Amino acid sequence: MPRLALYALIVCVLSVAAAVVSFVQGSWLGIVWILLAGLSSNMTWYYARRGRAARNGSVTG
């Protein structure tokens, strides 16, 4: 797994944990954490697929 994909995955897991803590405490700030988790999840998939394509030699663009 490429390094950027790993970092994005770590951010995703931490933001989900922060969202759970926020909602348990009764704060609506958890919505921001959920949005960040979605963004970092998409980044994880993008960088993982890009790394897999680079290994297979089918890099375009």
Protein backbone atom coordinates (compact mmCIF):
# COMPACT_ATOMS: atom_id res chain seq x y z
CA MET A 1 0.00 0.00 0.00
CA PRO A 2 1.44 3.41 -0.92
CA ARG A 3 2.46 5.67 1.91
CA LEU A 4 -0.15 8.36 1.11
CA ALA A 5 -2.90 5.75 1.13
CA LEU A 6 -1.74 4.55 4.53
CA TYR A 7 -1.72 8.10 5.93
CA ALA A 8 -5.20 8.74 4.54
CA LEU A 9 -6.43 5.51 6.13
CA ILE A 10 -5.02 6.56 9.50
CA VAL A 11 -6.75 9.94 9.21
CA CYS A 12 -9.99 8.18 8.31
CA VAL A 13 -9.86 5.88 11.34
CA LEU A 14 -8.97 8.73 13.70
CA SER A 15 -11.73 10.97 12.36
CA VAL A 16 -14.32 8.22 12.81
CA ALA A 17 -13.15 7.78 16.40
CA ALA A 18 -13.36 11.55 16.95
CA ALA A 19 -16.88 11.58 15.49
CA VAL A 20 -18.00 8.82 17.84
CA VAL A 21 -16.56 10.67 20.83
CA SER A 22 -18.21 13.93 19.71
CA PHE A 23 -21.63 12.35 19.29
CA VAL A 24 -21.36 10.51 22.62
CA GLN A 25 -20.62 13.82 24.31
CA GLY A 26 -23.67 15.36 22.64
CA SER A 27 -21.78 17.66 20.29
CA TRP A 28 -22.88 18.24 16.72
CA LEU A 29 -19.23 18.82 15.77
CA GLY A 30 -19.16 15.12 14.92
CA ILE A 31 -20.72 15.98 11.56
CA VAL A 32 -17.46 17.69 10.57
CA TRP A 33 -15.51 14.60 11.59
CA ILE A 34 -17.83 12.41 9.50
CA LEU A 35 -17.23 14.63 6.47
CA LEU A 36 -13.47 14.40 7.04
CA ALA A 37 -13.75 10.62 7.32
CA GLY A 38 -15.55 10.48 3.98
CA LEU A 39 -12.94 12.64 2.29
CA SER A 40 -10.01 10.67 3.67
CA SER A 41 -11.73 7.39 2.76
CA ASN A 42 -11.97 8.52 -0.86
CA MET A 43 -8.33 9.58 -0.76
CA THR A 44 -7.36 6.15 0.57
CA TRP A 45 -9.13 4.38 -2.28
CA TYR A 46 -7.66 6.76 -4.85
CA TYR A 47 -4.06 6.37 -3.72
CA ALA A 48 -4.39 2.61 -3.23
CA ARG A 49 -5.76 2.15 -6.76
CA ARG A 50 -3.14 4.49 -8.17
CA GLY A 51 -0.38 2.49 -6.47
CA ARG A 52 -1.83 -0.79 -7.70
CA ALA A 53 -2.02 0.55 -11.26
CA ALA A 54 1.58 1.78 -11.04
CA ARG A 55 2.73 -1.68 -9.98
CA ASN A 56 0.89 -3.25 -12.91
CA GLY A 57 2.39 -0.77 -15.35
CA SER A 58 -0.89 0.74 -16.50
CA VAL A 59 -0.33 4.32 -15.42
CA THR A 60 -2.27 6.85 -17.45
CA GLY A 61 -2.20 10.58 -16.99
